């Protein structure tokens, strides 16, 4: 079993969708389309990591320590946007 398959199996066990591994610098908006009525900052999938500064990630995307998976909270949301509870 590959590392991605192990991560996906764990996410399914926790009741979450399998991870999405983007190719190159593909964004969630490119993969799923854009929701111009909402911003990423209002999405329930937003994950923030606070260190010396705050790094924002999408919970539907593979979470890595790389800046390549950081998102801008002010950008238009993708079509998978869901309101925060």
Foldseek 3Di string as FASTA:
>chain_A
DDPQVVQQVVCVVVVHHRADEDDDLDDLCNVANFDQVDFQLFFQQWDWDDDVHIFIAGNRHDDDPDNSRTDDRGDTDHPVGDGHD
